[in-house]
């Protein structure tokens, strides 16, 4: 299992800096918050530094509690079967990860919109579908539009195929949802090559 790593941003809430995060110490995700008074912590940069230090402890505690409950470790005892995990994740599970890792960083109105569309339409219709199934469905849906330069690009397993991934996947994955800068560069090159292939005519 890849470790859960939260790095939420502190928010300005009047006379305090507020940090919102998820705690798994009970075995289930619980919304928690921590605040620092502006009378003691003057700048947002300083508040973020304190928050990062605090979250190191939270992440360590969460990962110790979670252990290897979700995905079996690979033979080296460190990395999980990442490519398989990516493809076998369901849309509902992906939503849960987004709620944990990305949504706390968004504006409330944006979070509310995402929650509405996921809960009202996407999860009821496709929640139990695995990512590899959705890739297949989307590829089939766009195939009739190939003449209009519409393509589906399946990036699942791209990072897991990189040299050295089995030694330290953290070079490529920042957390369960987001790639590192190095990982994003790899994904961007794949996307760029696909776009170029569609837009640039092949030599005669």
Protein backbone atom coordinates (compact mmCIF):
# COMPACT_ATOMS: atom_id res chain seq x y z
CA UNK A 1 0.00 0.00 0.00
CA UNK A 2 1.28 3.46 -0.82
CA UNK A 3 1.48 5.61 2.25
CA UNK A 4 -1.15 8.25 2.78
CA UNK A 5 0.51 11.64 2.77
CA UNK A 6 -1.55 14.74 3.47
CA UNK A 7 -0.12 18.22 3.12
CA UNK A 8 -3.12 20.53 3.51
CA UNK A 9 -2.71 24.29 3.40
CA UNK A 10 -3.50 26.48 6.38
CA UNK A 11 -6.38 28.90 5.90
CA UNK A 12 -6.91 32.41 7.19
CA UNK A 13 -9.98 32.38 9.45
CA UNK A 14 -10.10 35.76 11.12
CA UNK A 15 -7.79 35.84 14.12
CA UNK A 16 -6.53 32.29 13.56
CA UNK A 17 -4.77 30.06 11.06
CA UNK A 18 -6.73 26.83 10.56
CA UNK A 19 -5.57 23.44 9.33
CA UNK A 20 -8.07 20.76 8.26
CA UNK A 21 -6.98 17.15 7.84
CA UNK A 22 -8.09 13.54 8.18
CA UNK A 23 -7.18 11.31 11.09
CA UNK A 24 -7.26 7.50 10.74
CA UNK A 25 -6.27 6.61 14.29
CA UNK A 26 -9.72 5.11 14.94
CA UNK A 27 -9.46 2.95 11.82
CA UNK A 28 -11.85 5.18 9.86
CA UNK A 29 -11.27 8.62 8.40
CA UNK A 30 -12.26 11.40 10.79
CA UNK A 31 -12.21 15.10 9.91
CA UNK A 32 -9.98 17.03 12.31
CA UNK A 33 -8.68 20.56 12.56
CA UNK A 34 -5.97 22.47 14.36
CA UNK A 35 -5.61 26.22 14.81
CA UNK A 36 -2.87 28.68 15.66
CA UNK A 37 -3.65 32.14 17.02
CA UNK A 38 -2.35 35.02 14.92
CA UNK A 39 -1.23 36.72 18.09
CA UNK A 40 1.40 33.98 18.41
CA UNK A 41 1.95 33.02 14.77
CA UNK A 42 2.21 36.21 12.75
CA UNK A 43 2.52 35.01 9.16
CA UNK A 44 0.87 32.37 7.02
CA UNK A 45 4.30 31.08 6.03
CA UNK A 46 5.15 30.41 9.66
CA UNK A 47 1.75 28.81 10.22
CA UNK A 48 2.32 26.54 7.22
CA UNK A 49 5.72 25.53 8.56
CA UNK A 50 4.13 24.56 11.88
CA UNK A 51 1.35 22.76 10.02
CA UNK A 52 3.84 20.75 7.94
CA UNK A 53 5.69 19.68 11.07
CA UNK A 54 2.41 18.73 12.74
CA UNK A 55 1.27 16.76 9.67
CA UNK A 56 4.49 14.73 9.63
CA UNK A 57 3.40 13.31 12.98
CA UNK A 58 -0.18 12.82 11.79
CA UNK A 59 0.90 11.07 8.58
CA UNK A 60 3.26 8.80 10.50
CA UNK A 61 0.54 7.90 13.00
CA UNK A 62 -2.04 7.34 10.25
CA UNK A 63 0.23 5.09 8.21
CA UNK A 64 1.18 3.07 11.26
CA UNK A 65 -2.50 2.56 12.02
CA UNK A 66 -3.43 1.70 8.46
CA UNK A 67 -0.52 -0.69 8.04
CA UNK A 68 -0.93 -2.87 4.98
CA UNK A 69 -4.68 -3.36 5.29
CA UNK A 70 -5.74 -2.43 1.76
CA UNK A 71 -3.14 -3.74 -0.68
CA UNK A 72 -0.58 -6.55 -0.24
CA UNK A 73 3.05 -5.46 -0.33
CA UNK A 74 5.35 -6.62 -3.10
CA UNK A 75 8.20 -9.01 -2.50
CA UNK A 76 10.59 -6.26 -1.45
CA UNK A 77 8.33 -5.43 1.50
CA UNK A 78 8.19 -1.77 0.53
CA UNK A 79 6.31 -0.98 -2.68
CA UNK A 80 2.85 -2.29 -3.44
CA UNK A 81 1.65 -3.69 -6.72
CA UNK A 82 1.08 -0.12 -7.85
CA UNK A 83 0.05 -0.69 -11.45
CA UNK A 84 -2.50 -3.29 -10.40
CA UNK A 85 -3.77 -1.07 -7.60
CA UNK A 86 -4.28 1.82 -10.01
CA UNK A 87 -6.35 -0.26 -12.42
CA UNK A 88 -8.38 -2.05 -9.73
CA UNK A 89 -9.36 1.10 -7.84
CA UNK A 90 -13.06 1.87 -8.22
CA UNK A 91 -14.49 5.28 -8.97
CA UNK A 92 -16.01 5.41 -5.47
CA UNK A 93 -12.59 4.72 -3.94
CA UNK A 94 -11.05 7.38 -6.17
CA UNK A 95 -13.62 9.86 -4.93
CA UNK A 96 -12.68 9.04 -1.33
CA UNK A 97 -9.02 9.68 -2.10
CA UNK A 98 -9.86 12.98 -3.76
CA UNK A 99 -11.85 14.00 -0.68
CA UNK A 100 -8.84 13.25 1.48
CA UNK A 101 -5.96 14.55 -0.62
CA UNK A 102 -7.29 17.26 -2.93
CA UNK A 103 -10.64 18.63 -1.84
CA UNK A 104 -9.41 20.16 1.45
CA UNK A 105 -7.27 22.48 -0.69
CA UNK A 106 -10.23 23.73 -2.74
CA UNK A 107 -12.74 26.47 -2.12
CA UNK A 108 -15.90 25.35 -0.36
CA UNK A 109 -18.05 26.15 -3.40
CA UNK A 110 -15.82 23.95 -5.58
CA UNK A 111 -15.90 21.12 -3.05
CA UNK A 112 -19.70 21.37 -2.88
CA UNK A 113 -19.97 21.16 -6.69
CA UNK A 114 -17.69 18.13 -6.84
CA UNK A 115 -19.58 16.43 -4.03
CA UNK A 116 -22.91 17.09 -5.79
CA UNK A 117 -21.87 15.65 -9.16
CA UNK A 118 -20.02 12.68 -7.70
CA UNK A 119 -22.80 11.78 -5.26
CA UNK A 120 -25.72 12.55 -7.58
CA UNK A 121 -24.47 11.16 -10.88
CA UNK A 122 -21.03 9.58 -11.09
CA UNK A 123 -20.92 7.31 -8.04
CA UNK A 124 -24.52 6.00 -8.43
CA UNK A 125 -23.85 5.16 -12.08
CA UNK A 126 -20.19 4.12 -12.05
CA UNK A 127 -19.11 3.90 -8.41
CA UNK A 128 -18.36 0.17 -8.46
CA UNK A 129 -16.61 0.33 -11.84
CA UNK A 130 -12.85 -0.13 -11.70
CA UNK A 131 -10.55 2.37 -13.38
CA UNK A 132 -9.51 -0.12 -16.06
CA UNK A 133 -13.20 -0.71 -16.86
CA UNK A 134 -13.81 3.03 -17.16
CA UNK A 135 -10.78 3.35 -19.44
CA UNK A 136 -12.26 0.69 -21.70
CA UNK A 137 -15.67 2.38 -21.68
CA UNK A 138 -14.26 5.82 -22.47
CA UNK A 139 -12.04 4.45 -25.25
CA UNK A 140 -15.08 2.82 -26.86
CA UNK A 141 -17.16 6.00 -26.49
CA UNK A 142 -14.62 8.22 -28.28
CA UNK A 143 -13.66 5.74 -31.01
CA UNK A 144 -16.41 6.92 -33.42
CA UNK A 145 -14.92 10.43 -33.21
CA UNK A 146 -11.39 9.43 -34.21
CA UNK A 147 -11.83 11.28 -37.49
CA UNK A 148 -12.32 14.47 -35.50
CA UNK A 149 -8.99 13.94 -33.72
CA UNK A 150 -10.62 12.81 -30.48
CA UNK A 151 -8.52 10.31 -28.57
CA UNK A 152 -8.59 8.51 -25.24
CA UNK A 153 -5.21 8.25 -23.53
CA UNK A 154 -4.82 5.56 -20.89
CA UNK A 155 -2.03 6.57 -18.49
CA UNK A 156 -2.57 3.77 -15.98
CA UNK A 157 0.72 2.05 -15.20
CA UNK A 158 2.86 4.69 -16.93
CA UNK A 159 4.76 5.63 -13.78
CA UNK A 160 5.02 2.03 -12.60
CA UNK A 161 6.88 1.25 -15.83
CA UNK A 162 9.64 3.79 -15.13
CA UNK A 163 13.17 2.51 -14.35
CA UNK A 164 13.77 2.29 -10.62
CA UNK A 165 10.08 2.49 -9.73
CA UNK A 166 10.25 -0.82 -7.87
CA UNK A 167 13.14 0.52 -5.79
CA UNK A 168 11.51 3.75 -4.66
CA UNK A 169 8.06 4.63 -6.01
CA UNK A 170 8.16 7.92 -4.07
CA UNK A 171 10.35 9.35 -6.84
CA UNK A 172 7.23 9.21 -8.98
CA UNK A 173 4.23 9.34 -6.64
CA UNK A 174 3.74 12.15 -4.11
CA UNK A 175 0.78 10.38 -2.52
CA UNK A 176 -2.03 8.02 -3.49
CA UNK A 177 -3.47 10.49 -5.96
CA UNK A 178 -0.81 12.93 -7.15
CA UNK A 179 2.40 12.34 -9.06
CA UNK A 180 5.61 14.13 -8.09
CA UNK A 181 7.05 16.81 -10.37
CA UNK A 182 9.21 14.11 -11.92
CA UNK A 183 6.17 11.90 -12.39
CA UNK A 184 4.17 14.75 -13.93
CA UNK A 185 6.99 15.36 -16.41
CA UNK A 186 6.77 11.74 -17.54
CA UNK A 187 2.99 11.89 -17.92
CA UNK A 188 3.22 15.21 -19.76
CA UNK A 189 5.65 13.73 -22.30
CA UNK A 190 3.23 10.88 -23.02
CA UNK A 191 0.38 13.35 -23.51
CA UNK A 192 2.54 15.62 -25.67
CA UNK A 193 3.55 12.71 -27.90
CA UNK A 194 -0.09 11.67 -28.32
CA UNK A 195 -1.17 15.22 -29.23
CA UNK A 196 1.72 15.61 -31.65
CA UNK A 197 0.83 12.34 -33.35
CA UNK A 198 -2.70 13.58 -33.95
CA UNK A 199 -1.86 17.11 -35.03
CA UNK A 200 1.33 16.65 -37.04
CA UNK A 201 0.85 14.89 -40.40
CA UNK A 202 2.97 11.80 -40.93
CA UNK A 203 5.71 12.25 -43.56
CA UNK A 204 4.67 11.15 -47.04
